[in-house]
């Protein structure tokens, strides 16, 4: 919890020092996710399901922005304890972190997440408590106009879900297409 608090305080101090010309943008992403939940005993399973997110970015520097948003990713499982059950897992929650614009149109971001995990199967549904973890992602930014950027990319999220008092690791990878729309501030 202390690293998350320290990162939050650092982000707030950077935001408070931002110039008045900082820009605000909205990024919408959609694609597919695949992953694993430790309690299944199956490891990583490539059984993709829908994934998506919406973030609000505050660019306090031409190459750096703080972001906060909401995202979800579903993934399936066919092996281990999933055999014959075919559950679908949905991870969803909030994220916050920093995004950096690198040379050649490359972007990278990383931050903290607070997610829950829901497992659905013909046997019923179970949900975890919210848990903290981390996310990282990278991709390309292809300008489509002065205020619109196409942002395909990949992401990785990891945290420990607590169902019935047992913490088990959740990890998933997403491949998404995105659009970043500049809402206010100077054009880049």
N, C-alpha and C. Protein backbone atom coordinates (compact mmCIF):
# COMPACT_ATOMS: atom_id res chain seq x y z
N UNK A 1 0.82 -1.19 0.00
CA UNK A 1 0.00 0.00 0.00
C UNK A 1 0.87 1.26 0.00
N UNK A 2 2.02 1.23 0.68
CA UNK A 2 2.89 2.41 0.73
C UNK A 2 3.40 2.80 -0.65
N UNK A 3 3.81 1.84 -1.53
CA UNK A 3 4.26 2.26 -2.86
C UNK A 3 3.14 2.95 -3.65
N UNK A 4 1.91 2.50 -3.49
CA UNK A 4 0.79 3.12 -4.21
C UNK A 4 0.57 4.53 -3.69
N UNK A 5 0.64 4.72 -2.37
CA UNK A 5 0.48 6.04 -1.78
C UNK A 5 1.59 6.97 -2.24
N UNK A 6 2.82 6.48 -2.25
CA UNK A 6 3.95 7.30 -2.69
C UNK A 6 3.81 7.69 -4.16
N UNK A 7 3.39 6.75 -5.01
CA UNK A 7 3.20 7.05 -6.43
C UNK A 7 2.08 8.05 -6.62
N UNK A 8 1.01 7.93 -5.85
CA UNK A 8 -0.11 8.88 -5.94
C UNK A 8 0.32 10.28 -5.54
N UNK A 9 1.09 10.40 -4.46
CA UNK A 9 1.58 11.71 -4.02
C UNK A 9 2.53 12.31 -5.05
N UNK A 10 3.39 11.50 -5.65
CA UNK A 10 4.30 11.99 -6.68
C UNK A 10 3.51 12.49 -7.89
N UNK A 11 2.48 11.75 -8.29
CA UNK A 11 1.65 12.17 -9.44
C UNK A 11 0.93 13.47 -9.13
N UNK A 12 0.40 13.60 -7.92
CA UNK A 12 -0.29 14.84 -7.55
C UNK A 12 0.66 16.03 -7.54
N UNK A 13 1.89 15.84 -7.09
CA UNK A 13 2.85 16.95 -7.08
C UNK A 13 3.21 17.36 -8.50
N UNK A 14 3.33 16.39 -9.40
CA UNK A 14 3.60 16.72 -10.80
C UNK A 14 2.42 17.46 -11.42
N UNK A 15 1.20 17.03 -11.10
CA UNK A 15 0.01 17.69 -11.63
C UNK A 15 -0.11 19.12 -11.14
N UNK A 16 0.23 19.35 -9.88
CA UNK A 16 0.10 20.70 -9.33
C UNK A 16 1.14 21.64 -9.94
N UNK A 17 2.24 21.12 -10.45
CA UNK A 17 3.26 21.94 -11.08
C UNK A 17 3.05 22.07 -12.58
N UNK A 18 1.97 21.51 -13.11
CA UNK A 18 1.72 21.53 -14.55
C UNK A 18 1.42 22.94 -15.05
N UNK A 19 1.87 23.26 -16.26
CA UNK A 19 1.57 24.57 -16.82
C UNK A 19 0.08 24.69 -17.16
N UNK A 20 -0.38 25.91 -17.25
CA UNK A 20 -1.79 26.16 -17.56
C UNK A 20 -2.17 25.64 -18.94
N UNK A 21 -1.19 25.44 -19.83
CA UNK A 21 -1.46 24.99 -21.18
C UNK A 21 -1.50 23.47 -21.29
N UNK A 22 -1.52 22.77 -20.17
CA UNK A 22 -1.57 21.30 -20.20
C UNK A 22 -2.83 20.86 -20.93
N UNK A 23 -2.77 19.65 -21.49
CA UNK A 23 -3.93 19.20 -22.25
C UNK A 23 -4.61 18.00 -21.62
N UNK A 24 -5.89 17.90 -21.86
CA UNK A 24 -6.74 16.84 -21.35
C UNK A 24 -7.19 15.99 -22.53
N UNK A 25 -7.14 14.67 -22.39
CA UNK A 25 -7.60 13.80 -23.48
C UNK A 25 -8.32 12.58 -22.90
N UNK A 26 -9.16 12.02 -23.74
CA UNK A 26 -9.93 10.83 -23.41
C UNK A 26 -9.47 9.72 -24.33
N UNK A 27 -9.16 8.55 -23.76
CA UNK A 27 -8.74 7.41 -24.58
C UNK A 27 -9.72 6.26 -24.36
N UNK A 28 -10.27 5.76 -25.46
CA UNK A 28 -11.18 4.62 -25.44
C UNK A 28 -10.49 3.46 -26.14
N UNK A 29 -10.48 2.27 -25.49
CA UNK A 29 -9.78 1.11 -26.04
C UNK A 29 -10.69 -0.10 -26.02
N UNK A 30 -10.56 -0.95 -27.01
CA UNK A 30 -11.32 -2.19 -27.07
C UNK A 30 -10.52 -3.27 -27.76
N UNK A 31 -10.71 -4.52 -27.33
CA UNK A 31 -9.97 -5.62 -27.92
C UNK A 31 -10.29 -6.92 -27.23
N UNK A 32 -9.24 -7.72 -26.95
CA UNK A 32 -9.43 -9.04 -26.35
C UNK A 32 -8.40 -9.28 -25.26
N UNK A 33 -8.77 -10.13 -24.29
CA UNK A 33 -7.88 -10.48 -23.20
C UNK A 33 -7.79 -11.99 -23.04
N UNK A 34 -6.65 -12.44 -22.53
CA UNK A 34 -6.44 -13.85 -22.20
C UNK A 34 -5.60 -13.88 -20.94
N UNK A 35 -5.82 -14.88 -20.08
CA UNK A 35 -5.07 -14.85 -18.83
C UNK A 35 -5.15 -16.09 -18.00
N UNK A 36 -4.91 -15.89 -16.69
CA UNK A 36 -4.92 -17.01 -15.77
C UNK A 36 -5.39 -16.56 -14.39
N UNK A 37 -5.97 -17.51 -13.68
CA UNK A 37 -6.35 -17.33 -12.28
C UNK A 37 -5.76 -18.51 -11.54
N UNK A 38 -4.90 -18.25 -10.57
CA UNK A 38 -4.14 -19.28 -9.88
C UNK A 38 -4.96 -20.42 -9.28
N UNK A 39 -6.18 -20.15 -8.83
CA UNK A 39 -6.99 -21.18 -8.18
C UNK A 39 -7.41 -22.29 -9.14
N UNK A 40 -7.32 -22.06 -10.44
CA UNK A 40 -7.74 -23.07 -11.42
C UNK A 40 -6.69 -24.16 -11.62
N UNK A 41 -5.44 -23.87 -11.27
CA UNK A 41 -4.37 -24.84 -11.51
C UNK A 41 -4.06 -25.04 -12.98
N UNK A 42 -4.53 -24.13 -13.84
CA UNK A 42 -4.39 -24.31 -15.28
C UNK A 42 -3.27 -23.50 -15.89
N UNK A 43 -2.74 -22.49 -15.22
CA UNK A 43 -1.75 -21.63 -15.84
C UNK A 43 -2.39 -20.73 -16.87
N UNK A 44 -1.54 -20.07 -17.68
CA UNK A 44 -2.04 -19.15 -18.70
C UNK A 44 -2.81 -19.92 -19.77
N UNK A 45 -3.99 -19.46 -20.07
CA UNK A 45 -4.84 -20.09 -21.09
C UNK A 45 -5.15 -19.08 -22.18
N UNK A 46 -4.92 -19.46 -23.43
CA UNK A 46 -5.28 -18.57 -24.53
C UNK A 46 -6.71 -18.88 -24.96
N UNK A 47 -7.65 -18.35 -24.18
CA UNK A 47 -9.08 -18.47 -24.46
C UNK A 47 -9.60 -17.03 -24.42
N UNK A 48 -9.37 -16.26 -25.50
CA UNK A 48 -9.66 -14.83 -25.46
C UNK A 48 -11.14 -14.49 -25.35
N UNK A 49 -11.38 -13.38 -24.69
CA UNK A 49 -12.70 -12.80 -24.49
C UNK A 49 -12.55 -11.28 -24.64
N UNK A 50 -13.66 -10.52 -24.66
CA UNK A 50 -13.57 -9.07 -24.83
C UNK A 50 -12.84 -8.35 -23.69
N UNK A 51 -12.22 -7.23 -24.05
CA UNK A 51 -11.54 -6.35 -23.09
C UNK A 51 -11.73 -4.92 -23.54
N UNK A 52 -11.69 -3.99 -22.60
CA UNK A 52 -11.82 -2.59 -22.96
C UNK A 52 -11.50 -1.67 -21.80
N UNK A 53 -11.32 -0.40 -22.10
CA UNK A 53 -11.04 0.57 -21.06
C UNK A 53 -11.35 1.98 -21.55
N UNK A 54 -11.51 2.87 -20.60
CA UNK A 54 -11.66 4.30 -20.87
C UNK A 54 -10.80 5.03 -19.84
N UNK A 55 -9.93 5.92 -20.31
CA UNK A 55 -9.08 6.67 -19.41
C UNK A 55 -9.13 8.15 -19.75
N UNK A 56 -8.91 8.95 -18.74
CA UNK A 56 -8.78 10.38 -18.90
C UNK A 56 -7.33 10.70 -18.61
N UNK A 57 -6.66 11.36 -19.56
CA UNK A 57 -5.24 11.67 -19.45
C UNK A 57 -5.06 13.17 -19.25
N UNK A 58 -4.14 13.54 -18.37
CA UNK A 58 -3.79 14.93 -18.13
C UNK A 58 -2.31 15.08 -18.46
N UNK A 59 -2.01 15.67 -19.63
CA UNK A 59 -0.62 15.83 -20.08
C UNK A 59 -0.02 17.06 -19.41
N UNK A 60 0.87 16.83 -18.46
CA UNK A 60 1.53 17.92 -17.76
C UNK A 60 2.86 18.27 -18.39
N UNK A 61 3.24 17.53 -19.42
CA UNK A 61 4.48 17.74 -20.18
C UNK A 61 4.21 17.23 -21.58
N UNK A 62 4.87 17.73 -22.62
CA UNK A 62 4.60 17.24 -23.98
C UNK A 62 4.80 15.72 -24.16
N UNK A 63 5.61 15.11 -23.29
CA UNK A 63 5.86 13.67 -23.43
C UNK A 63 5.43 12.85 -22.22
N UNK A 64 4.68 13.45 -21.29
CA UNK A 64 4.26 12.72 -20.10
C UNK A 64 2.86 13.15 -19.68
N UNK A 65 2.08 12.16 -19.23
CA UNK A 65 0.71 12.42 -18.78
C UNK A 65 0.38 11.50 -17.61
N UNK A 66 -0.48 11.99 -16.74
CA UNK A 66 -1.06 11.17 -15.68
C UNK A 66 -2.40 10.68 -16.20
N UNK A 67 -2.75 9.43 -15.90
CA UNK A 67 -4.04 8.91 -16.37
C UNK A 67 -4.79 8.25 -15.22
N UNK A 68 -6.11 8.21 -15.37
CA UNK A 68 -6.98 7.49 -14.45
C UNK A 68 -8.14 6.97 -15.28
N UNK A 69 -8.62 5.78 -14.96
CA UNK A 69 -9.72 5.25 -15.75
C UNK A 69 -10.29 3.96 -15.20
N UNK A 70 -11.12 3.36 -16.01
CA UNK A 70 -11.82 2.13 -15.67
C UNK A 70 -11.57 1.14 -16.81
N UNK A 71 -11.35 -0.13 -16.47
CA UNK A 71 -11.14 -1.14 -17.49
C UNK A 71 -11.65 -2.49 -17.07
N UNK A 72 -11.84 -3.35 -18.06
CA UNK A 72 -12.26 -4.72 -17.79
C UNK A 72 -11.59 -5.63 -18.80
N UNK A 73 -11.43 -6.88 -18.43
CA UNK A 73 -10.95 -7.91 -19.35
C UNK A 73 -11.59 -9.23 -18.94
N UNK A 74 -12.09 -9.95 -19.92
CA UNK A 74 -12.61 -11.30 -19.67
C UNK A 74 -11.63 -12.29 -20.26
N UNK A 75 -11.57 -13.45 -19.64
CA UNK A 75 -10.76 -14.53 -20.20
C UNK A 75 -11.35 -15.85 -19.77
N UNK A 76 -11.12 -16.87 -20.58
CA UNK A 76 -11.65 -18.19 -20.30
C UNK A 76 -10.58 -19.13 -19.80
N UNK A 77 -10.98 -20.37 -19.54
CA UNK A 77 -10.08 -21.39 -19.01
C UNK A 77 -10.65 -22.75 -19.40
N UNK A 78 -9.78 -23.64 -19.90
CA UNK A 78 -10.25 -24.96 -20.34
C UNK A 78 -9.53 -26.13 -19.68
N UNK A 79 -8.40 -25.88 -18.99
CA UNK A 79 -7.61 -26.96 -18.40
C UNK A 79 -7.65 -26.88 -16.87
N UNK A 80 -6.93 -27.81 -16.21
CA UNK A 80 -6.90 -27.83 -14.74
C UNK A 80 -8.28 -28.06 -14.18
N UNK A 81 -8.64 -27.31 -13.14
CA UNK A 81 -9.96 -27.44 -12.53
C UNK A 81 -11.07 -26.89 -13.42
N UNK A 82 -10.71 -26.25 -14.53
CA UNK A 82 -11.70 -25.69 -15.46
C UNK A 82 -12.26 -26.75 -16.42
N UNK A 83 -11.56 -27.88 -16.55
CA UNK A 83 -11.98 -28.92 -17.50
C UNK A 83 -13.42 -29.33 -17.23
N UNK A 84 -14.23 -29.25 -18.26
CA UNK A 84 -15.64 -29.61 -18.16
C UNK A 84 -16.52 -28.56 -17.55
N UNK A 85 -15.92 -27.49 -16.99
CA UNK A 85 -16.70 -26.42 -16.36
C UNK A 85 -16.79 -25.20 -17.27
N UNK A 86 -15.69 -24.93 -18.01
CA UNK A 86 -15.59 -23.78 -18.93
C UNK A 86 -16.04 -22.47 -18.32
N UNK A 87 -15.38 -22.02 -17.25
CA UNK A 87 -15.77 -20.75 -16.64
C UNK A 87 -15.28 -19.55 -17.46
N UNK A 88 -15.86 -18.42 -17.20
CA UNK A 88 -15.40 -17.15 -17.75
C UNK A 88 -15.06 -16.26 -16.57
N UNK A 89 -13.88 -15.65 -16.60
CA UNK A 89 -13.43 -14.76 -15.56
C UNK A 89 -13.50 -13.32 -16.07
N UNK A 90 -13.98 -12.41 -15.24
CA UNK A 90 -14.04 -11.00 -15.59
C UNK A 90 -13.30 -10.21 -14.52
N UNK A 91 -12.24 -9.54 -14.94
CA UNK A 91 -11.49 -8.65 -14.06
C UNK A 91 -11.91 -7.24 -14.42
N UNK A 92 -12.28 -6.45 -13.42
CA UNK A 92 -12.69 -5.08 -13.70
C UNK A 92 -12.37 -4.17 -12.54
N UNK A 93 -12.13 -2.90 -12.87
CA UNK A 93 -11.86 -1.94 -11.82
C UNK A 93 -11.17 -0.71 -12.35
N UNK A 94 -10.55 0.02 -11.42
CA UNK A 94 -9.96 1.31 -11.72
C UNK A 94 -8.44 1.22 -11.81
N UNK A 95 -7.87 2.17 -12.58
CA UNK A 95 -6.42 2.23 -12.72
C UNK A 95 -5.99 3.69 -12.70
N UNK A 96 -4.73 3.91 -12.35
CA UNK A 96 -4.13 5.24 -12.37
C UNK A 96 -2.63 5.07 -12.52
N UNK A 97 -2.02 5.98 -13.27
CA UNK A 97 -0.58 5.88 -13.47
C UNK A 97 -0.06 6.97 -14.38
N UNK A 98 1.07 6.69 -15.00
CA UNK A 98 1.73 7.63 -15.90
C UNK A 98 1.89 7.03 -17.29
N UNK A 99 1.73 7.88 -18.30
CA UNK A 99 1.93 7.48 -19.70
C UNK A 99 3.04 8.36 -20.28
N UNK A 100 3.92 7.75 -21.05
CA UNK A 100 5.04 8.48 -21.65
C UNK A 100 5.01 8.32 -23.17
N UNK A 101 5.27 9.42 -23.87
CA UNK A 101 5.39 9.42 -25.32
C UNK A 101 6.87 9.30 -25.64
N UNK A 102 7.25 8.24 -26.34
CA UNK A 102 8.65 7.99 -26.67
C UNK A 102 8.89 8.30 -28.15
N UNK A 103 10.14 8.31 -28.60
CA UNK A 103 10.40 8.59 -30.01
C UNK A 103 9.71 7.58 -30.94
N UNK A 104 9.54 7.98 -32.18
CA UNK A 104 8.95 7.16 -33.25
C UNK A 104 7.49 6.81 -32.99
N UNK A 105 6.78 7.63 -32.23
CA UNK A 105 5.37 7.40 -31.99
C UNK A 105 5.05 6.31 -30.99
N UNK A 106 6.04 5.80 -30.29
CA UNK A 106 5.81 4.73 -29.30
C UNK A 106 5.31 5.36 -28.00
N UNK A 107 4.35 4.71 -27.35
CA UNK A 107 3.89 5.13 -26.03
C UNK A 107 4.05 3.96 -25.06
N UNK A 108 4.24 4.29 -23.81
CA UNK A 108 4.33 3.28 -22.74
C UNK A 108 3.64 3.86 -21.51
N UNK A 109 3.00 2.98 -20.75
CA UNK A 109 2.34 3.44 -19.54
C UNK A 109 2.42 2.37 -18.46
N UNK A 110 2.29 2.81 -17.22
CA UNK A 110 2.30 1.88 -16.11
C UNK A 110 1.67 2.53 -14.90
N UNK A 111 1.07 1.70 -14.06
CA UNK A 111 0.44 2.26 -12.88
C UNK A 111 -0.16 1.19 -11.98
N UNK A 112 -1.00 1.65 -11.09
CA UNK A 112 -1.65 0.78 -10.11
C UNK A 112 -3.08 0.50 -10.53
N UNK A 113 -3.58 -0.67 -10.13
CA UNK A 113 -4.98 -1.03 -10.38
C UNK A 113 -5.63 -1.44 -9.07
N UNK A 114 -6.93 -1.27 -9.01
CA UNK A 114 -7.77 -1.79 -7.92
C UNK A 114 -8.88 -2.55 -8.63
N UNK A 115 -8.74 -3.88 -8.72
CA UNK A 115 -9.66 -4.71 -9.50
C UNK A 115 -10.36 -5.77 -8.64
N UNK A 116 -11.48 -6.22 -9.14
CA UNK A 116 -12.18 -7.38 -8.60
C UNK A 116 -12.21 -8.45 -9.67
N UNK A 117 -12.40 -9.69 -9.27
CA UNK A 117 -12.49 -10.80 -10.21
C UNK A 117 -13.82 -11.50 -9.99
N UNK A 118 -14.53 -11.74 -11.07
CA UNK A 118 -15.78 -12.50 -11.01
C UNK A 118 -15.61 -13.75 -11.85
N UNK A 119 -15.95 -14.90 -11.28
CA UNK A 119 -15.90 -16.18 -11.99
C UNK A 119 -17.33 -16.63 -12.24
N UNK A 120 -17.66 -16.88 -13.51
CA UNK A 120 -19.00 -17.35 -13.87
C UNK A 120 -18.88 -18.70 -14.56
N UNK A 121 -19.74 -19.62 -14.15
CA UNK A 121 -19.80 -20.94 -14.77
C UNK A 121 -21.23 -21.45 -14.62
N UNK A 122 -21.54 -22.58 -15.25
CA UNK A 122 -22.88 -23.14 -15.06
C UNK A 122 -23.19 -23.46 -13.59
N UNK A 123 -22.15 -23.57 -12.77
CA UNK A 123 -22.33 -23.86 -11.34
C UNK A 123 -22.67 -22.62 -10.51
N UNK A 124 -22.57 -21.43 -11.12
CA UNK A 124 -22.86 -20.18 -10.40
C UNK A 124 -21.79 -19.15 -10.61
N UNK A 125 -21.84 -18.11 -9.80
CA UNK A 125 -20.87 -17.01 -9.90
C UNK A 125 -20.29 -16.69 -8.54
N UNK A 126 -19.01 -16.31 -8.52
CA UNK A 126 -18.32 -15.89 -7.31
C UNK A 126 -17.56 -14.62 -7.63
N UNK A 127 -17.43 -13.73 -6.64
CA UNK A 127 -16.68 -12.49 -6.82
C UNK A 127 -15.65 -12.34 -5.73
N UNK A 128 -14.55 -11.70 -6.07
CA UNK A 128 -13.50 -11.41 -5.09
C UNK A 128 -13.70 -10.02 -4.52
N UNK A 129 -12.98 -9.75 -3.45
CA UNK A 129 -12.89 -8.39 -2.93
C UNK A 129 -11.98 -7.60 -3.86
N UNK A 130 -12.05 -6.28 -3.80
CA UNK A 130 -11.14 -5.45 -4.59
C UNK A 130 -9.72 -5.65 -4.08
N UNK A 131 -8.77 -5.69 -5.00
CA UNK A 131 -7.37 -5.89 -4.64
C UNK A 131 -6.50 -4.96 -5.46
N UNK A 132 -5.37 -4.55 -4.88
CA UNK A 132 -4.43 -3.69 -5.58
C UNK A 132 -3.41 -4.53 -6.33
N UNK A 133 -2.99 -4.01 -7.48
CA UNK A 133 -1.97 -4.66 -8.29
C UNK A 133 -1.34 -3.63 -9.20
N UNK A 134 -0.80 -4.08 -10.32
CA UNK A 134 -0.16 -3.15 -11.26
C UNK A 134 -0.53 -3.50 -12.69
N UNK A 135 -0.31 -2.52 -13.57
CA UNK A 135 -0.50 -2.72 -15.00
C UNK A 135 0.63 -2.03 -15.74
N UNK A 136 0.90 -2.53 -16.94
CA UNK A 136 1.89 -1.94 -17.83
C UNK A 136 1.39 -2.14 -19.25
N UNK A 137 1.73 -1.22 -20.13
CA UNK A 137 1.31 -1.35 -21.52
C UNK A 137 2.21 -0.55 -22.43
N UNK A 138 2.14 -0.86 -23.72
CA UNK A 138 2.92 -0.15 -24.73
C UNK A 138 2.24 -0.29 -26.08
N UNK A 139 2.56 0.62 -26.97
CA UNK A 139 1.98 0.56 -28.31
C UNK A 139 2.47 1.71 -29.16
N UNK A 140 1.74 1.98 -30.23
CA UNK A 140 2.07 3.05 -31.17
C UNK A 140 0.99 4.12 -31.13
N UNK A 141 1.39 5.36 -31.36
CA UNK A 141 0.45 6.46 -31.49
C UNK A 141 0.53 6.98 -32.90
N UNK A 142 -0.54 6.79 -33.68
CA UNK A 142 -0.57 7.22 -35.08
C UNK A 142 -1.57 8.36 -35.21
N UNK A 143 -1.07 9.57 -35.48
CA UNK A 143 -1.91 10.76 -35.56
C UNK A 143 -2.86 10.67 -36.75
N UNK A 144 -4.14 10.90 -36.48
CA UNK A 144 -5.16 10.92 -37.52
C UNK A 144 -5.65 12.34 -37.79
N UNK A 145 -5.23 13.27 -37.00
CA UNK A 145 -5.62 14.67 -37.12
C UNK A 145 -5.07 15.43 -35.95
N UNK A 146 -5.37 16.74 -35.86
CA UNK A 146 -4.81 17.54 -34.78
C UNK A 146 -5.28 17.12 -33.39
N UNK A 147 -6.43 16.48 -33.27
CA UNK A 147 -6.95 16.11 -31.95
C UNK A 147 -7.30 14.62 -31.82
N UNK A 148 -6.91 13.81 -32.79
CA UNK A 148 -7.27 12.39 -32.79
C UNK A 148 -6.05 11.53 -33.07
N UNK A 149 -5.80 10.53 -32.21
CA UNK A 149 -4.66 9.62 -32.37
C UNK A 149 -5.14 8.18 -32.25
N UNK A 150 -4.74 7.33 -33.20
CA UNK A 150 -5.03 5.90 -33.17
C UNK A 150 -3.93 5.25 -32.33
N UNK A 151 -4.32 4.45 -31.30
CA UNK A 151 -3.34 3.94 -30.33
C UNK A 151 -3.45 2.43 -30.12
N UNK A 152 -3.07 1.61 -31.12
CA UNK A 152 -3.05 0.17 -30.88
C UNK A 152 -1.97 -0.18 -29.86
N UNK A 153 -2.21 -1.24 -29.07
CA UNK A 153 -1.21 -1.60 -28.07
C UNK A 153 -1.54 -2.89 -27.35
N UNK A 154 -0.64 -3.26 -26.47
CA UNK A 154 -0.80 -4.45 -25.63
C UNK A 154 -0.67 -4.02 -24.17
N UNK A 155 -1.25 -4.82 -23.27
CA UNK A 155 -1.16 -4.51 -21.86
C UNK A 155 -1.04 -5.77 -21.02
N UNK A 156 -0.55 -5.59 -19.80
CA UNK A 156 -0.40 -6.69 -18.85
C UNK A 156 -0.87 -6.18 -17.49
N UNK A 157 -1.70 -6.96 -16.80
CA UNK A 157 -2.20 -6.60 -15.47
C UNK A 157 -2.03 -7.80 -14.55
N UNK A 158 -1.65 -7.51 -13.28
CA UNK A 158 -1.46 -8.58 -12.30
C UNK A 158 -1.88 -8.08 -10.92
N UNK A 159 -2.56 -8.95 -10.18
CA UNK A 159 -2.95 -8.69 -8.80
C UNK A 159 -3.33 -10.02 -8.16
N UNK A 160 -3.62 -10.02 -6.87
CA UNK A 160 -4.03 -11.23 -6.17
C UNK A 160 -5.50 -11.09 -5.77
N UNK A 161 -6.35 -11.98 -6.27
CA UNK A 161 -7.78 -11.95 -5.95
C UNK A 161 -8.03 -12.80 -4.72
N UNK A 162 -8.87 -12.29 -3.81
CA UNK A 162 -9.20 -13.01 -2.59
C UNK A 162 -10.64 -13.49 -2.65
N UNK A 163 -10.81 -14.80 -2.86
CA UNK A 163 -12.13 -15.42 -2.85
C UNK A 163 -12.13 -16.41 -1.70
N UNK A 164 -13.08 -16.31 -0.79
CA UNK A 164 -13.18 -17.19 0.38
C UNK A 164 -11.91 -17.16 1.23
N UNK A 165 -11.27 -15.99 1.35
CA UNK A 165 -10.11 -15.83 2.22
C UNK A 165 -8.80 -16.34 1.67
N UNK A 166 -8.79 -16.85 0.44
CA UNK A 166 -7.57 -17.36 -0.17
C UNK A 166 -7.12 -16.43 -1.29
N UNK A 167 -5.89 -15.89 -1.18
CA UNK A 167 -5.36 -15.01 -2.22
C UNK A 167 -4.72 -15.85 -3.31
N UNK A 168 -5.17 -15.64 -4.54
CA UNK A 168 -4.63 -16.35 -5.70
C UNK A 168 -4.28 -15.34 -6.78
N UNK A 169 -3.16 -15.54 -7.51
CA UNK A 169 -2.76 -14.57 -8.51
C UNK A 169 -3.69 -14.56 -9.73
N UNK A 170 -3.93 -13.35 -10.22
CA UNK A 170 -4.66 -13.13 -11.47
C UNK A 170 -3.71 -12.38 -12.38
N UNK A 171 -3.55 -12.83 -13.60
CA UNK A 171 -2.70 -12.14 -14.57
C UNK A 171 -3.35 -12.28 -15.94
N UNK A 172 -3.38 -11.18 -16.67
CA UNK A 172 -3.93 -11.26 -18.02
C UNK A 172 -3.23 -10.28 -18.94
N UNK A 173 -3.28 -10.62 -20.22
CA UNK A 173 -2.70 -9.83 -21.29
C UNK A 173 -3.84 -9.37 -22.17
N UNK A 174 -3.77 -8.13 -22.64
CA UNK A 174 -4.77 -7.61 -23.57
C UNK A 174 -4.10 -7.11 -24.83
N UNK A 175 -4.80 -7.23 -25.92
CA UNK A 175 -4.42 -6.63 -27.19
C UNK A 175 -5.60 -5.76 -27.60
N UNK A 176 -5.36 -4.45 -27.74
CA UNK A 176 -6.48 -3.53 -27.96
C UNK A 176 -6.16 -2.49 -29.03
N UNK A 177 -7.22 -1.97 -29.62
CA UNK A 177 -7.14 -0.82 -30.50
C UNK A 177 -7.74 0.35 -29.72
N UNK A 178 -7.17 1.53 -29.88
CA UNK A 178 -7.67 2.66 -29.12
C UNK A 178 -7.70 3.94 -29.93
N UNK A 179 -8.48 4.89 -29.44
CA UNK A 179 -8.54 6.25 -29.98
C UNK A 179 -8.36 7.21 -28.83
N UNK A 180 -7.39 8.12 -28.97
CA UNK A 180 -7.18 9.17 -27.98
C UNK A 180 -7.69 10.47 -28.60
N UNK A 181 -8.62 11.10 -27.90
CA UNK A 181 -9.25 12.33 -28.37
C UNK A 181 -8.82 13.47 -27.45
N UNK A 182 -8.13 14.47 -28.01
CA UNK A 182 -7.71 15.62 -27.22
C UNK A 182 -8.93 16.49 -26.97
N UNK A 183 -9.24 16.75 -25.70
CA UNK A 183 -10.42 17.53 -25.33
C UNK A 183 -10.12 19.00 -25.12
N UNK A 184 -8.99 19.31 -24.51
CA UNK A 184 -8.65 20.69 -24.21
C UNK A 184 -7.15 20.86 -24.17
N UNK A 185 -6.70 22.07 -24.38
CA UNK A 185 -5.28 22.36 -24.35
C UNK A 185 -4.71 22.54 -25.73
N UNK A 186 -3.42 22.79 -25.84
CA UNK A 186 -2.79 23.03 -27.14
C UNK A 186 -2.74 21.75 -27.97
N UNK A 187 -2.71 21.92 -29.26
CA UNK A 187 -2.55 20.78 -30.16
C UNK A 187 -1.10 20.36 -30.17
N UNK A 188 -0.88 19.05 -30.20
CA UNK A 188 0.51 18.55 -30.24
C UNK A 188 0.86 18.13 -31.64
